[in-house]
Amino acid sequence: MIIFKTVDVEKAYLPIRGTKKSAGYDFRIPEDVVIKPGETYTVDSGIQLRLTDEHEHYVGLMFIRSSLGIKKHLRVSNSVGVIDADYEDNIRIALHNYGKEPVRLEKFEKVVQMVFVPYGFNTQIRDYISEERTGGVGSTGKF
């Protein structure tokens, strides 16, 4: 189970999916902000996350909402935010303006979405690498 908790109800909305088939949960910004060109702005979302045991091998990946990336030239500062299953503090949102104009965001505007993805697989650690595929990009041919 995925559990979201608001730390301060006055400053935060619980993340929700826009539709039944939406992949991500929309997070809102808790205050008005202007992000200057080239600037990174970090804000506490006021939201905490808890994944129960059956989701212990999931990660929350935080992406900018498409409209803000395309229209306002914003991105999550490190391209994708990674929220591990055992992270228990408030989720922070770091936005970077890579455009040429300041970007104004209004309090409670939807800014990022979090998608939950399973991770982990069986691994074998060896002290050698197979020579079957070498050559990098295009190593399997053109077609």
N, C-alpha and C. Protein backbone atom coordinates (compact mmCIF):
# COMPACT_ATOMS: atom_id res chain seq x y z
N MET A 1 0.83 -1.17 0.00
CA MET A 1 0.00 0.00 0.00
C MET A 1 0.89 1.25 0.00
N ILE A 2 0.43 2.25 -0.70
CA ILE A 2 1.12 3.53 -0.75
C ILE A 2 0.34 4.49 0.14
N ILE A 3 1.01 5.08 1.11
CA ILE A 3 0.35 5.99 2.04
C ILE A 3 1.01 7.36 1.95
N PHE A 4 0.22 8.39 1.62
CA PHE A 4 0.69 9.77 1.65
C PHE A 4 0.13 10.41 2.92
N LYS A 5 0.91 11.28 3.53
CA LYS A 5 0.47 11.98 4.73
C LYS A 5 0.84 13.45 4.59
N THR A 6 -0.11 14.33 4.87
CA THR A 6 0.20 15.76 4.89
C THR A 6 0.73 16.12 6.26
N VAL A 7 1.85 16.83 6.28
CA VAL A 7 2.45 17.25 7.53
C VAL A 7 1.73 18.48 8.07
N ASP A 8 1.32 19.37 7.18
CA ASP A 8 0.61 20.59 7.56
C ASP A 8 -0.54 20.78 6.57
N VAL A 9 -1.75 20.50 7.00
CA VAL A 9 -2.92 20.53 6.14
C VAL A 9 -3.13 21.91 5.50
N GLU A 10 -2.71 22.97 6.18
CA GLU A 10 -2.86 24.33 5.64
C GLU A 10 -1.94 24.57 4.44
N LYS A 11 -0.84 23.83 4.37
CA LYS A 11 0.17 24.10 3.35
C LYS A 11 0.29 23.02 2.28
N ALA A 12 -0.48 21.94 2.38
CA ALA A 12 -0.28 20.85 1.43
C ALA A 12 -1.57 20.16 1.06
N TYR A 13 -1.62 19.66 -0.16
CA TYR A 13 -2.69 18.81 -0.64
C TYR A 13 -2.13 17.41 -0.79
N LEU A 14 -2.93 16.40 -0.48
CA LEU A 14 -2.48 15.04 -0.74
C LEU A 14 -2.34 14.85 -2.25
N PRO A 15 -1.29 14.18 -2.69
CA PRO A 15 -1.14 13.91 -4.13
C PRO A 15 -2.27 13.00 -4.62
N ILE A 16 -2.76 13.27 -5.81
CA ILE A 16 -3.80 12.44 -6.40
C ILE A 16 -3.48 12.20 -7.87
N ARG A 17 -4.06 11.14 -8.40
CA ARG A 17 -3.95 10.89 -9.84
C ARG A 17 -5.07 11.67 -10.53
N GLY A 18 -4.75 12.26 -11.68
CA GLY A 18 -5.73 13.07 -12.40
C GLY A 18 -6.91 12.26 -12.92
N THR A 19 -6.67 11.01 -13.33
CA THR A 19 -7.72 10.11 -13.80
C THR A 19 -7.41 8.71 -13.29
N LYS A 20 -8.35 7.79 -13.47
CA LYS A 20 -8.14 6.41 -13.04
C LYS A 20 -6.93 5.77 -13.73
N LYS A 21 -6.63 6.20 -14.95
CA LYS A 21 -5.55 5.58 -15.72
C LYS A 21 -4.26 6.40 -15.71
N SER A 22 -4.24 7.48 -14.95
CA SER A 22 -3.00 8.28 -14.84
C SER A 22 -1.93 7.46 -14.14
N ALA A 23 -0.72 7.52 -14.65
CA ALA A 23 0.39 6.78 -14.05
C ALA A 23 0.89 7.45 -12.78
N GLY A 24 0.88 8.78 -12.77
CA GLY A 24 1.51 9.51 -11.68
C GLY A 24 0.53 10.20 -10.74
N TYR A 25 1.03 10.46 -9.54
CA TYR A 25 0.31 11.22 -8.52
C TYR A 25 0.81 12.66 -8.58
N ASP A 26 -0.10 13.61 -8.79
CA ASP A 26 0.27 15.01 -8.92
C ASP A 26 0.58 15.63 -7.56
N PHE A 27 1.73 16.31 -7.48
CA PHE A 27 2.12 17.07 -6.30
C PHE A 27 1.94 18.55 -6.62
N ARG A 28 1.50 19.30 -5.63
CA ARG A 28 1.27 20.74 -5.78
C ARG A 28 2.34 21.51 -5.02
N ILE A 29 2.62 22.70 -5.49
CA ILE A 29 3.60 23.55 -4.82
C ILE A 29 2.87 24.31 -3.70
N PRO A 30 3.43 24.37 -2.49
CA PRO A 30 2.70 24.94 -1.35
C PRO A 30 2.76 26.47 -1.23
N GLU A 31 3.36 27.15 -2.20
CA GLU A 31 3.49 28.60 -2.09
C GLU A 31 3.70 29.22 -3.47
N ASP A 32 3.39 30.51 -3.58
CA ASP A 32 3.71 31.24 -4.81
C ASP A 32 5.22 31.33 -4.94
N VAL A 33 5.71 31.22 -6.17
CA VAL A 33 7.15 31.30 -6.39
C VAL A 33 7.43 31.81 -7.80
N VAL A 34 8.53 32.53 -7.94
CA VAL A 34 9.05 32.92 -9.25
C VAL A 34 10.45 32.33 -9.34
N ILE A 35 10.68 31.56 -10.40
CA ILE A 35 11.99 30.93 -10.60
C ILE A 35 12.66 31.63 -11.78
N LYS A 36 13.78 32.27 -11.51
CA LYS A 36 14.51 33.02 -12.53
C LYS A 36 15.22 32.07 -13.50
N PRO A 37 15.53 32.54 -14.71
CA PRO A 37 16.26 31.71 -15.66
C PRO A 37 17.58 31.21 -15.04
N GLY A 38 17.86 29.93 -15.21
CA GLY A 38 19.09 29.34 -14.68
C GLY A 38 19.04 29.02 -13.20
N GLU A 39 17.95 29.36 -12.53
CA GLU A 39 17.83 29.17 -11.09
C GLU A 39 17.18 27.81 -10.76
N THR A 40 17.62 27.24 -9.64
CA THR A 40 16.98 26.04 -9.08
C THR A 40 16.30 26.45 -7.79
N TYR A 41 15.05 26.04 -7.65
CA TYR A 41 14.25 26.38 -6.48
C TYR A 41 13.81 25.08 -5.81
N THR A 42 14.04 24.97 -4.52
CA THR A 42 13.67 23.77 -3.77
C THR A 42 12.63 24.14 -2.72
N VAL A 43 11.58 23.34 -2.64
CA VAL A 43 10.50 23.61 -1.68
C VAL A 43 10.08 22.30 -1.02
N ASP A 44 9.72 22.39 0.24
CA ASP A 44 9.20 21.26 0.99
C ASP A 44 7.74 21.08 0.58
N SER A 45 7.37 19.91 0.10
CA SER A 45 6.00 19.66 -0.37
C SER A 45 5.00 19.56 0.78
N GLY A 46 5.50 19.30 1.99
CA GLY A 46 4.60 19.10 3.12
C GLY A 46 3.97 17.71 3.12
N ILE A 47 4.50 16.83 2.29
CA ILE A 47 3.97 15.47 2.13
C ILE A 47 5.03 14.46 2.54
N GLN A 48 4.60 13.44 3.27
CA GLN A 48 5.47 12.31 3.58
C GLN A 48 4.87 11.07 2.91
N LEU A 49 5.73 10.11 2.65
CA LEU A 49 5.35 8.89 1.96
C LEU A 49 5.73 7.69 2.80
N ARG A 50 4.88 6.69 2.78
CA ARG A 50 5.22 5.42 3.41
C ARG A 50 4.74 4.31 2.50
N LEU A 51 5.65 3.39 2.19
CA LEU A 51 5.29 2.21 1.41
C LEU A 51 5.25 1.02 2.36
N THR A 52 4.17 0.29 2.35
CA THR A 52 4.06 -0.87 3.23
C THR A 52 4.89 -2.02 2.67
N ASP A 53 5.04 -3.09 3.46
CA ASP A 53 5.95 -4.18 3.13
C ASP A 53 5.75 -4.76 1.74
N GLU A 54 4.51 -4.88 1.27
CA GLU A 54 4.31 -5.47 -0.06
C GLU A 54 4.83 -4.57 -1.18
N HIS A 55 5.16 -3.32 -0.87
CA HIS A 55 5.73 -2.40 -1.86
C HIS A 55 7.17 -2.00 -1.50
N GLU A 56 7.84 -2.81 -0.70
CA GLU A 56 9.19 -2.44 -0.26
C GLU A 56 10.20 -2.42 -1.41
N HIS A 57 9.88 -3.04 -2.53
CA HIS A 57 10.78 -3.02 -3.69
C HIS A 57 10.24 -2.09 -4.79
N TYR A 58 9.65 -0.99 -4.35
CA TYR A 58 9.18 0.03 -5.28
C TYR A 58 9.95 1.32 -5.01
N VAL A 59 10.00 2.16 -6.01
CA VAL A 59 10.61 3.47 -5.88
C VAL A 59 9.63 4.49 -6.46
N GLY A 60 9.56 5.66 -5.84
CA GLY A 60 8.76 6.75 -6.38
C GLY A 60 9.66 7.63 -7.24
N LEU A 61 9.34 7.74 -8.52
CA LEU A 61 10.12 8.58 -9.43
C LEU A 61 9.33 9.85 -9.70
N MET A 62 9.97 10.98 -9.48
CA MET A 62 9.31 12.27 -9.58
C MET A 62 9.73 12.96 -10.88
N PHE A 63 8.74 13.27 -11.71
CA PHE A 63 8.95 13.91 -13.01
C PHE A 63 8.20 15.24 -13.05
N ILE A 64 8.70 16.17 -13.85
CA ILE A 64 7.98 17.41 -14.07
C ILE A 64 6.71 17.10 -14.86
N ARG A 65 5.64 17.83 -14.63
CA ARG A 65 4.44 17.65 -15.45
C ARG A 65 4.77 18.13 -16.86
N SER A 66 4.30 17.41 -17.85
CA SER A 66 4.65 17.68 -19.25
C SER A 66 4.41 19.12 -19.65
N SER A 67 3.27 19.68 -19.25
CA SER A 67 2.94 21.05 -19.65
C SER A 67 3.96 22.06 -19.13
N LEU A 68 4.48 21.84 -17.91
CA LEU A 68 5.47 22.77 -17.37
C LEU A 68 6.83 22.61 -18.05
N GLY A 69 7.15 21.41 -18.43
CA GLY A 69 8.40 21.18 -19.15
C GLY A 69 8.37 21.81 -20.54
N ILE A 70 7.27 21.62 -21.23
CA ILE A 70 7.15 22.10 -22.60
C ILE A 70 6.89 23.61 -22.66
N LYS A 71 5.92 24.08 -21.89
CA LYS A 71 5.49 25.48 -22.00
C LYS A 71 6.32 26.45 -21.16
N LYS A 72 6.82 25.98 -20.00
CA LYS A 72 7.50 26.91 -19.09
C LYS A 72 8.98 26.60 -18.89
N HIS A 73 9.49 25.60 -19.57
CA HIS A 73 10.91 25.24 -19.52
C HIS A 73 11.40 24.93 -18.10
N LEU A 74 10.59 24.16 -17.38
CA LEU A 74 10.98 23.70 -16.05
C LEU A 74 11.30 22.21 -16.11
N ARG A 75 12.16 21.78 -15.22
CA ARG A 75 12.43 20.36 -15.05
C ARG A 75 12.75 20.11 -13.58
N VAL A 76 12.64 18.86 -13.18
CA VAL A 76 13.14 18.49 -11.86
C VAL A 76 14.65 18.67 -11.93
N SER A 77 15.25 19.27 -10.92
CA SER A 77 16.64 19.73 -11.03
C SER A 77 17.63 18.64 -11.42
N ASN A 78 17.42 17.41 -10.99
CA ASN A 78 18.34 16.33 -11.39
C ASN A 78 17.67 15.42 -12.42
N SER A 79 16.73 15.96 -13.16
CA SER A 79 15.96 15.31 -14.22
C SER A 79 14.88 14.37 -13.69
N VAL A 80 15.21 13.50 -12.74
CA VAL A 80 14.22 12.62 -12.11
C VAL A 80 14.52 12.57 -10.63
N GLY A 81 13.52 12.87 -9.81
CA GLY A 81 13.68 12.72 -8.37
C GLY A 81 13.45 11.26 -7.99
N VAL A 82 14.27 10.74 -7.10
CA VAL A 82 14.15 9.35 -6.67
C VAL A 82 13.79 9.34 -5.18
N ILE A 83 12.62 8.78 -4.87
CA ILE A 83 12.18 8.66 -3.48
C ILE A 83 12.18 7.17 -3.14
N ASP A 84 13.16 6.77 -2.34
CA ASP A 84 13.31 5.36 -1.96
C ASP A 84 12.20 4.93 -1.01
N ALA A 85 11.93 3.63 -1.00
CA ALA A 85 10.86 3.06 -0.17
C ALA A 85 11.09 3.31 1.31
N ASP A 86 12.34 3.46 1.73
CA ASP A 86 12.60 3.65 3.16
C ASP A 86 12.81 5.12 3.54
N TYR A 87 12.59 6.04 2.62
CA TYR A 87 12.71 7.46 2.93
C TYR A 87 11.49 7.90 3.73
N GLU A 88 11.70 8.54 4.88
CA GLU A 88 10.58 8.86 5.77
C GLU A 88 10.40 10.34 6.05
N ASP A 89 11.22 11.21 5.51
CA ASP A 89 11.10 12.64 5.78
C ASP A 89 10.15 13.28 4.76
N ASN A 90 9.94 14.60 4.89
CA ASN A 90 9.12 15.31 3.92
C ASN A 90 9.76 15.25 2.54
N ILE A 91 8.91 15.11 1.54
CA ILE A 91 9.39 15.08 0.16
C ILE A 91 9.62 16.51 -0.29
N ARG A 92 10.81 16.76 -0.82
CA ARG A 92 11.17 18.09 -1.31
C ARG A 92 11.12 18.07 -2.84
N ILE A 93 10.73 19.19 -3.40
CA ILE A 93 10.63 19.33 -4.85
C ILE A 93 11.67 20.35 -5.28
N ALA A 94 12.58 19.95 -6.16
CA ALA A 94 13.61 20.86 -6.66
C ALA A 94 13.35 21.08 -8.15
N LEU A 95 13.05 22.33 -8.51
CA LEU A 95 12.72 22.70 -9.88
C LEU A 95 13.80 23.60 -10.45
N HIS A 96 14.14 23.37 -11.72
CA HIS A 96 15.15 24.19 -12.39
C HIS A 96 14.52 24.83 -13.62
N ASN A 97 14.74 26.13 -13.77
CA ASN A 97 14.28 26.88 -14.94
C ASN A 97 15.41 26.93 -15.95
N TYR A 98 15.26 26.17 -17.04
CA TYR A 98 16.29 26.16 -18.09
C TYR A 98 15.91 27.09 -19.25
N GLY A 99 14.85 27.86 -19.06
CA GLY A 99 14.42 28.79 -20.10
C GLY A 99 15.10 30.15 -19.98
N LYS A 100 14.58 31.10 -20.76
CA LYS A 100 15.15 32.45 -20.81
C LYS A 100 14.28 33.48 -20.11
N GLU A 101 13.13 33.05 -19.60
CA GLU A 101 12.20 33.95 -18.92
C GLU A 101 11.93 33.44 -17.50
N PRO A 102 11.63 34.34 -16.56
CA PRO A 102 11.22 33.89 -15.23
C PRO A 102 9.92 33.08 -15.32
N VAL A 103 9.76 32.11 -14.43
CA VAL A 103 8.55 31.29 -14.40
C VAL A 103 7.84 31.53 -13.07
N ARG A 104 6.57 31.90 -13.17
CA ARG A 104 5.75 32.12 -11.97
C ARG A 104 4.86 30.91 -11.76
N LEU A 105 4.88 30.37 -10.55
CA LEU A 105 4.01 29.26 -10.17
C LEU A 105 3.13 29.74 -9.02
N GLU A 106 1.85 29.41 -9.08
CA GLU A 106 0.91 29.83 -8.05
C GLU A 106 0.76 28.75 -6.99
N LYS A 107 0.49 29.20 -5.78
CA LYS A 107 0.27 28.29 -4.66
C LYS A 107 -0.74 27.22 -5.06
N PHE A 108 -0.40 25.98 -4.77
CA PHE A 108 -1.21 24.78 -5.03
C PHE A 108 -1.31 24.40 -6.50
N GLU A 109 -0.46 25.00 -7.34
CA GLU A 109 -0.39 24.57 -8.74
C GLU A 109 0.28 23.20 -8.80
N LYS A 110 -0.23 22.32 -9.66
CA LYS A 110 0.38 21.00 -9.85
C LYS A 110 1.70 21.19 -10.59
N VAL A 111 2.79 20.63 -10.05
CA VAL A 111 4.10 20.86 -10.67
C VAL A 111 4.83 19.58 -11.06
N VAL A 112 4.74 18.56 -10.24
CA VAL A 112 5.44 17.30 -10.55
C VAL A 112 4.47 16.14 -10.34
N GLN A 113 4.86 15.01 -10.90
CA GLN A 113 4.08 13.79 -10.69
C GLN A 113 5.02 12.68 -10.26
N MET A 114 4.54 11.84 -9.35
CA MET A 114 5.33 10.72 -8.86
C MET A 114 4.73 9.43 -9.40
N VAL A 115 5.60 8.64 -10.02
CA VAL A 115 5.21 7.35 -10.58
C VAL A 115 5.93 6.28 -9.77
N PHE A 116 5.21 5.25 -9.37
CA PHE A 116 5.81 4.17 -8.59
C PHE A 116 6.18 3.01 -9.51
N VAL A 117 7.42 2.55 -9.37
CA VAL A 117 7.96 1.53 -10.25
C VAL A 117 8.65 0.47 -9.41
N PRO A 118 8.41 -0.82 -9.71
CA PRO A 118 9.15 -1.86 -8.98
C PRO A 118 10.60 -1.87 -9.44
N TYR A 119 11.48 -2.26 -8.56
CA TYR A 119 12.89 -2.36 -8.93
C TYR A 119 13.47 -3.64 -8.32
N GLY A 120 14.66 -3.97 -8.77
CA GLY A 120 15.35 -5.14 -8.25
C GLY A 120 15.18 -6.32 -9.17
N PHE A 121 16.19 -7.10 -9.25
CA PHE A 121 16.18 -8.31 -10.05
C PHE A 121 17.31 -9.20 -9.54
N ASN A 122 17.28 -10.44 -9.95
CA ASN A 122 18.35 -11.34 -9.53
C ASN A 122 19.65 -10.95 -10.21
N THR A 123 20.70 -10.89 -9.46
CA THR A 123 21.99 -10.51 -10.02
C THR A 123 23.04 -11.56 -9.70
N GLN A 124 24.05 -11.60 -10.54
CA GLN A 124 25.22 -12.42 -10.29
C GLN A 124 26.43 -11.51 -10.40
N ILE A 125 27.26 -11.53 -9.40
CA ILE A 125 28.46 -10.71 -9.43
C ILE A 125 29.63 -11.59 -9.86
N ARG A 126 30.30 -11.17 -10.92
CA ARG A 126 31.43 -11.93 -11.46
C ARG A 126 32.64 -11.02 -11.53
N ASP A 127 33.78 -11.63 -11.74
CA ASP A 127 35.00 -10.83 -11.90
C ASP A 127 35.42 -10.76 -13.37
N TYR A 128 34.49 -11.02 -14.30
CA TYR A 128 34.78 -10.89 -15.72
C TYR A 128 33.50 -10.47 -16.45
N ILE A 129 33.67 -10.01 -17.68
CA ILE A 129 32.54 -9.61 -18.52
C ILE A 129 32.61 -10.42 -19.80
N SER A 130 31.48 -10.93 -20.24
CA SER A 130 31.41 -11.71 -21.46
C SER A 130 31.86 -10.86 -22.65
N GLU A 131 32.49 -11.50 -23.61
CA GLU A 131 32.94 -10.81 -24.83
C GLU A 131 31.90 -10.90 -25.94
N GLU A 132 30.71 -11.44 -25.65
CA GLU A 132 29.70 -11.65 -26.68
C GLU A 132 29.26 -10.37 -27.36
N ARG A 133 29.15 -9.28 -26.64
CA ARG A 133 28.73 -8.01 -27.23
C ARG A 133 29.76 -6.95 -26.91
N THR A 134 30.38 -6.44 -27.92
CA THR A 134 31.34 -5.36 -27.75
C THR A 134 31.09 -4.33 -28.85
N GLY A 135 31.66 -3.18 -28.70
CA GLY A 135 31.56 -2.19 -29.74
C GLY A 135 30.62 -1.03 -29.44
N GLY A 136 29.84 -1.10 -28.37
CA GLY A 136 29.01 0.03 -27.98
C GLY A 136 27.81 0.25 -28.85
N VAL A 137 27.47 1.52 -29.11
CA VAL A 137 26.28 1.90 -29.85
C VAL A 137 26.29 1.25 -31.22
N GLY A 138 25.19 0.58 -31.57
CA GLY A 138 25.07 -0.05 -32.88
C GLY A 138 25.79 -1.39 -32.97
N SER A 139 26.16 -1.96 -31.84
CA SER A 139 26.96 -3.20 -31.88
C SER A 139 26.21 -4.41 -32.41
N THR A 140 24.86 -4.32 -32.50
CA THR A 140 24.12 -5.45 -33.03
C THR A 140 23.76 -5.26 -34.51
N GLY A 141 24.29 -4.22 -35.16
CA GLY A 141 24.03 -3.99 -36.58
C GLY A 141 22.96 -2.95 -36.79
N LYS A 142 22.75 -2.60 -38.06
CA LYS A 142 21.81 -1.55 -38.42
C LYS A 142 20.36 -2.01 -38.39
N PHE A 143 20.12 -3.29 -38.66
CA PHE A 143 18.73 -3.75 -38.78
C PHE A 143 18.43 -4.85 -37.80
